[in-house]
Protein backbone atom coordinates (compact mmCIF):
# COMPACT_ATOMS: atom_id res chain seq x y z
CA MET A 1 70.58 87.46 161.04
CA SER A 2 74.10 86.81 159.83
CA ALA A 3 76.68 89.54 159.58
CA PRO A 4 77.31 90.86 156.08
CA GLU A 5 80.38 89.53 154.32
CA VAL A 6 83.26 91.92 153.92
CA TYR A 7 85.37 91.75 150.75
CA GLU A 8 88.88 93.07 150.73
CA VAL A 9 89.84 95.10 147.68
CA PRO A 10 93.49 94.62 146.78
CA GLN A 11 95.48 97.81 146.86
CA GLN A 12 97.25 98.76 143.66
CA GLY A 13 100.88 99.50 144.13
CA PRO A 14 102.77 102.27 142.41
CA VAL A 15 103.19 101.99 138.65
CA ASP A 16 106.57 100.64 137.65
CA ALA A 17 107.68 103.24 135.12
CA GLY A 18 110.69 101.22 134.02
CA ALA A 19 108.53 98.20 133.28
CA ALA A 20 106.12 100.38 131.31
CA LEU A 21 108.94 101.72 129.15
CA ALA A 22 110.32 98.23 128.57
CA GLU A 23 106.88 96.97 127.61
CA ASP A 24 106.48 99.82 125.15
CA ARG A 25 109.84 99.01 123.59
CA ARG A 26 108.87 95.34 123.17
CA ALA A 27 105.56 96.39 121.62
CA GLY A 28 107.38 98.58 119.10
CA GLU A 29 109.67 95.71 118.10
CA ALA A 30 106.68 93.38 117.76
CA LEU A 31 104.94 95.93 115.52
CA TRP A 32 107.84 95.92 113.06
CA ARG A 33 107.97 92.11 113.05
CA VAL A 34 104.26 91.92 112.32
CA ALA A 35 104.60 94.58 109.64
CA LEU A 36 107.42 92.64 107.95
CA ARG A 37 105.36 89.45 108.02
CA ARG A 38 102.40 91.24 106.46
CA LEU A 39 104.60 92.77 103.76
CA VAL A 40 105.90 89.33 102.77
CA ARG A 41 102.32 88.08 102.41
CA ASN A 42 101.15 91.09 100.36
CA PRO A 43 101.46 90.58 96.56
CA ALA A 44 101.33 94.35 95.94
CA ALA A 45 104.21 94.89 98.37
CA ILE A 46 106.29 92.20 96.68
CA LEU A 47 105.60 93.63 93.23
CA GLY A 48 106.44 97.15 94.39
CA ALA A 49 109.61 95.96 96.12
CA LEU A 50 110.74 94.13 92.98
CA VAL A 51 110.23 97.25 90.86
CA VAL A 52 112.09 99.42 93.38
CA VAL A 53 114.98 96.95 93.69
CA ALA A 54 115.23 96.64 89.90
CA PHE A 55 115.22 100.43 89.52
CA VAL A 56 117.95 100.85 92.14
CA LEU A 57 120.10 98.08 90.66
CA VAL A 58 119.83 99.49 87.14
CA ALA A 59 120.77 102.95 88.44
CA LEU A 60 123.74 101.70 90.45
CA LEU A 61 125.00 99.33 87.74
CA ALA A 62 124.51 101.77 84.86
CA PRO A 63 128.22 101.69 83.81
CA VAL A 64 127.99 97.89 83.54
CA ILE A 65 124.53 97.58 81.95
CA ALA A 66 124.65 100.45 79.45
CA PRO A 67 126.60 99.56 76.28
CA PHE A 68 127.43 103.24 75.66
CA GLY A 69 128.23 106.20 77.88
CA PRO A 70 125.71 108.99 78.56
CA GLY A 71 127.43 111.38 76.14
CA GLU A 72 128.28 108.97 73.32
CA LEU A 73 126.53 109.36 69.94
CA PRO A 74 127.35 106.11 68.11
CA GLY A 75 124.55 106.39 65.54
CA ARG A 76 124.73 110.06 64.72
CA ALA A 77 125.65 109.49 61.07
CA ASP A 78 122.56 107.30 60.53
CA VAL A 79 120.02 109.96 61.56
CA ARG A 80 118.28 111.95 58.83
CA PRO A 81 115.65 114.72 59.18
CA THR A 82 112.82 112.38 58.21
CA PHE A 83 114.21 109.08 59.42
CA ILE A 84 115.49 107.77 62.77
CA PRO A 85 116.74 104.16 62.71
CA GLY A 86 114.80 101.69 64.81
CA PRO A 87 115.98 98.69 66.83
CA SER A 88 119.01 96.80 65.57
CA ALA A 89 121.63 94.37 66.83
CA ASP A 90 123.84 97.22 68.09
CA HIS A 91 120.95 99.31 69.41
CA PRO A 92 118.15 97.09 70.88
CA LEU A 93 115.72 100.02 71.27
CA GLY A 94 117.05 102.13 68.43
CA ILE A 95 118.66 105.56 68.62
CA ASP A 96 117.29 109.05 69.30
CA ARG A 97 117.35 112.18 67.16
CA TYR A 98 120.91 112.98 68.24
CA GLY A 99 122.27 109.49 67.49
CA ALA A 100 122.50 108.32 71.11
CA ASP A 101 121.63 104.73 71.98
CA LEU A 102 118.12 104.80 73.45
CA PHE A 103 118.67 101.86 75.81
CA SER A 104 121.82 103.44 77.23
CA GLN A 105 120.01 106.75 77.69
CA LEU A 106 117.23 105.03 79.63
CA VAL A 107 119.73 103.27 81.89
CA TRP A 108 121.69 106.45 82.61
CA GLY A 109 118.39 108.30 83.05
CA ALA A 110 117.49 105.85 85.83
CA ARG A 111 120.66 106.87 87.67
CA ALA A 112 119.82 110.58 87.26
CA SER A 113 116.22 110.04 88.45
CA LEU A 114 117.34 107.97 91.45
CA LEU A 115 119.93 110.55 92.48
CA ILE A 116 117.53 113.48 92.17
CA GLY A 117 114.65 111.63 93.86
CA VAL A 118 116.68 110.36 96.82
CA LEU A 119 118.51 113.63 97.44
CA ALA A 120 115.32 115.68 97.16
CA THR A 121 113.43 113.36 99.51
CA LEU A 122 116.29 113.37 102.03
CA LEU A 123 116.37 117.16 101.91
CA GLY A 124 112.63 117.41 102.41
CA LEU A 125 112.74 114.77 105.14
CA ALA A 126 115.50 116.58 107.06
CA GLY A 127 113.82 119.98 106.83
CA GLY A 128 110.35 118.64 107.57
CA MET A 129 111.44 116.56 110.55
CA LEU A 130 113.35 119.51 112.02
CA LEU A 131 110.32 121.79 111.66
CA GLY A 132 107.90 119.14 112.92
CA LEU A 133 110.18 118.23 115.83
CA VAL A 134 110.39 121.85 116.99
CA ALA A 135 106.62 122.31 116.68
CA GLY A 136 105.76 119.02 118.39
CA THR A 137 108.26 119.48 121.22
CA PHE A 138 107.68 123.07 122.33
CA GLY A 139 104.06 123.65 121.33
CA GLY A 140 102.45 127.02 122.10
CA TRP A 141 103.42 129.95 119.92
CA VAL A 142 106.33 128.00 118.41
CA ASP A 143 103.89 125.36 117.18
CA SER A 144 101.51 128.03 115.86
CA ALA A 145 104.26 129.88 113.98
CA ALA A 146 105.63 126.68 112.44
CA MET A 147 102.20 125.51 111.33
CA ARG A 148 101.33 128.88 109.79
CA LEU A 149 104.52 128.60 107.73
CA VAL A 150 103.50 125.11 106.70
CA ASP A 151 99.99 126.30 105.78
CA LEU A 152 101.50 129.07 103.67
CA MET A 153 103.64 126.58 101.74
CA LEU A 154 100.74 124.15 101.29
CA ALA A 155 98.53 126.93 99.93
CA VAL A 156 100.66 127.00 96.76
CA PRO A 157 100.33 124.00 94.38
CA SER A 158 103.39 121.81 94.74
CA LEU A 159 104.41 121.80 91.07
CA LEU A 160 103.96 125.57 90.80
CA LEU A 161 106.09 126.09 93.91
CA ALA A 162 108.76 123.73 92.56
CA VAL A 163 108.81 125.51 89.20
CA SER A 164 109.15 128.88 90.92
CA ILE A 165 112.03 127.73 93.12
CA ALA A 166 113.84 126.02 90.24
CA ALA A 167 113.44 129.10 88.02
CA VAL A 168 114.88 131.39 90.70
CA ALA A 169 117.71 129.02 91.67
CA GLY A 170 118.83 128.51 88.08
CA GLN A 171 118.69 125.70 85.55
CA SER A 172 120.72 122.84 87.03
CA PRO A 173 120.14 119.42 88.65
CA SER A 174 120.91 120.91 92.09
CA SER A 175 118.11 123.43 91.56
CA VAL A 176 115.72 120.58 90.81
CA VAL A 177 116.78 118.81 94.02
CA LEU A 178 116.30 122.01 96.02
CA ALA A 179 112.91 122.73 94.48
CA ILE A 180 111.49 119.25 95.06
CA GLY A 181 112.98 119.05 98.57
CA VAL A 182 111.44 122.36 99.66
CA VAL A 183 108.05 121.27 98.33
CA GLN A 184 108.20 118.13 100.49
CA VAL A 185 109.15 119.94 103.72
CA PRO A 186 105.59 120.92 104.82
CA VAL A 187 104.29 117.38 104.24
CA PHE A 188 106.87 115.81 106.56
CA ALA A 189 106.58 118.64 109.11
CA ARG A 190 102.81 118.34 109.51
CA LEU A 191 102.94 114.55 109.62
CA LEU A 192 105.67 114.35 112.27
CA ARG A 193 104.09 117.08 114.39
CA GLY A 194 100.70 115.33 114.40
CA SER A 195 102.29 111.97 115.21
CA MET A 196 104.26 113.47 118.11
CA LEU A 197 101.17 115.14 119.57
CA ALA A 198 99.37 111.79 119.46
CA GLN A 199 102.28 110.03 121.21
CA LYS A 200 102.54 112.62 123.99
CA GLY A 201 99.33 111.37 125.58
CA GLN A 202 100.45 107.74 125.78
CA ASP A 203 101.15 105.97 129.07
CA TYR A 204 104.83 105.43 128.39
CA VAL A 205 105.36 109.20 128.17
CA LEU A 206 103.74 109.67 131.57
CA ALA A 207 105.89 106.84 132.93
CA ALA A 208 109.04 108.48 131.57
CA ARG A 209 108.11 111.81 133.11
CA SER A 210 107.42 110.16 136.44
CA LEU A 211 111.00 108.94 136.43
CA GLY A 212 112.14 112.54 136.29
CA LEU A 213 113.46 112.47 132.73
CA SER A 214 113.87 115.83 131.04
CA ARG A 215 111.66 116.93 128.16
CA ARG A 216 114.58 116.60 125.76
CA THR A 217 115.28 113.02 126.85
CA VAL A 218 111.62 112.01 126.69
CA THR A 219 111.23 113.55 123.23
CA MET A 220 114.40 112.20 121.65
CA SER A 221 114.46 108.77 123.32
CA HIS A 222 110.77 107.88 123.39
CA VAL A 223 108.37 110.20 121.57
CA LEU A 224 110.38 110.74 118.37
CA PRO A 225 111.31 107.06 117.75
CA ASN A 226 107.64 106.09 118.13
CA SER A 227 106.53 108.88 115.77
CA VAL A 228 108.73 108.26 112.75
CA SER A 229 106.89 105.24 111.31
CA PRO A 230 104.34 107.29 109.32
CA VAL A 231 107.12 109.64 108.24
CA ILE A 232 109.15 106.74 106.82
CA VAL A 233 106.10 105.50 104.95
CA GLN A 234 105.44 108.97 103.55
CA ALA A 235 109.05 109.24 102.42
CA THR A 236 108.61 106.04 100.41
CA LEU A 237 105.49 107.45 98.76
CA LEU A 238 107.10 110.83 98.06
CA LEU A 239 109.99 109.15 96.27
CA ALA A 240 107.50 108.32 93.52
CA THR A 241 106.34 111.94 93.47
CA ALA A 242 109.95 113.14 93.36
CA VAL A 243 110.68 111.03 90.27
CA ILE A 244 107.61 112.44 88.51
CA GLU A 245 108.35 116.03 89.52
CA ALA A 246 111.98 115.72 88.44
CA ALA A 247 110.81 114.56 85.03
CA ALA A 248 108.27 117.40 84.90
CA LEU A 249 110.87 120.07 85.72
CA SER A 250 113.25 118.65 83.12
CA PHE A 251 110.38 118.56 80.64
CA LEU A 252 109.86 122.27 81.29
CA GLY A 253 113.55 122.94 80.64
CA LEU A 254 114.53 123.67 84.26
CA GLY A 255 116.86 120.70 84.76
CA GLY A 256 119.86 122.22 83.06
CA GLY A 257 122.32 120.24 80.97
CA SER A 258 122.52 119.78 77.22
CA PRO A 259 119.73 118.31 75.04
CA THR A 260 121.62 115.00 74.90
CA THR A 261 121.83 114.65 78.72
CA ALA A 262 120.45 111.29 79.83
CA GLU A 263 117.34 112.15 81.87
CA TRP A 264 113.84 110.77 81.34
CA GLY A 265 112.04 114.12 81.38
CA ARG A 266 114.52 115.66 78.93
CA MET A 267 114.13 112.62 76.67
CA LEU A 268 110.39 113.31 76.51
CA VAL A 269 111.11 116.89 75.48
CA ALA A 270 113.44 115.76 72.70
CA ALA A 271 110.86 113.25 71.45
CA GLN A 272 108.08 115.81 70.90
CA ASN A 273 109.18 116.68 67.37
CA GLU A 274 109.58 113.01 66.36
CA LEU A 275 106.24 111.60 67.52
CA GLU A 276 105.10 110.94 63.96
CA ILE A 277 108.24 109.18 62.72
CA ALA A 278 109.53 107.61 65.98
CA PRO A 279 106.89 107.47 68.77
CA ARG A 280 109.06 104.98 70.68
CA LEU A 281 111.32 107.87 71.71
CA ALA A 282 108.51 109.15 73.95
CA LEU A 283 107.01 105.75 74.77
CA TRP A 284 110.02 104.22 76.54
CA PRO A 285 110.82 107.15 78.88
CA GLY A 286 107.13 107.43 79.72
CA ILE A 287 106.98 103.73 80.59
CA CYS A 288 110.08 104.02 82.80
CA ILE A 289 108.62 106.97 84.71
CA SER A 290 105.23 105.30 85.15
CA VAL A 291 106.58 101.91 86.25
CA THR A 292 109.07 103.43 88.70
CA ALA A 293 106.44 105.68 90.27
CA LEU A 294 104.02 102.74 90.46
CA GLY A 295 106.61 100.58 92.21
CA PHE A 296 107.32 103.16 94.91
CA THR A 297 103.59 103.79 95.34
CA LEU A 298 102.70 100.11 95.71
CA PHE A 299 105.45 99.49 98.23
CA GLY A 300 104.68 102.66 100.17
CA GLU A 301 100.97 101.91 100.39
CA ALA A 302 101.66 98.33 101.47
CA LEU A 303 104.08 99.57 104.12
CA ARG A 304 101.49 102.05 105.39
CA GLU A 305 98.87 99.33 105.70
CA ALA A 306 101.32 96.98 107.40
CA LEU A 307 102.19 99.56 110.06
CA ASP A 308 98.60 100.73 110.61
CA PRO A 309 96.96 98.68 113.40
CA ARG A 310 93.49 99.67 112.18
CA SER A 311 94.01 97.95 108.84
CA ARG A 312 95.23 94.64 110.24
CA ARG A 313 93.27 91.62 109.02
CA ARG A 314 91.70 89.45 111.60
């Protein structure tokens, strides 16, 4: 009877924490390369990007594109109580009830919408990331207190909360920015906090801790950079919401300024009394708001799908 064979099991050496961190960094870079390649191949992403780029260019080049300034009233003498002149050689889209060139008002309104949307989203992003970072880093009662504050803010409908803040802060564009930014804070806070909690259980975090790195270093150098992808995507989507909410607050008369101020929401307000004789005054601002919001939404959704490993096509 022969002796049984003995198999030697290779011993696993200690885990190389530095190699694990380097591998995680390379994986993160590969994820963004794959996401960019998927965006280029996505027709919805291309369409959304074109709309967003066009919107930004029109807003930035408003002094060059618009034939008249935001406060000029070149056709005021032509307006009568029952008649508003339509398109002409000097005014391609006609004039409004005050005599302002409609095309110029739309172009300057794009600049106002871009400024309000970007500033409000940046404000909400900064506040939300700060709150989410504190909750995701310390946990415990700090996390519970932060999330209860977030739950309290989410319990109030966003538009109602924005209207309340804008009404208290006063009628001005800065009040609109503040109102929309505060409404967006709980969304970013909850998203970043959840993403950080998911990243804390990954192998690269354990490897970093095994190297003796402090909690602050691990959080700021590894956990946070790997948690911001969904936050960036959400910021792109909320830009569309910010444009709509800015128009809504101006429509309600909370945006400040004079009736002739170039802003899409205020243009809709001014067009209410002329719907029978000049429906184009409400049609063009509505189209601008819808197309801009659609562009940000398409690009944001495509970016979310590109960065989500579960939605990758085989």
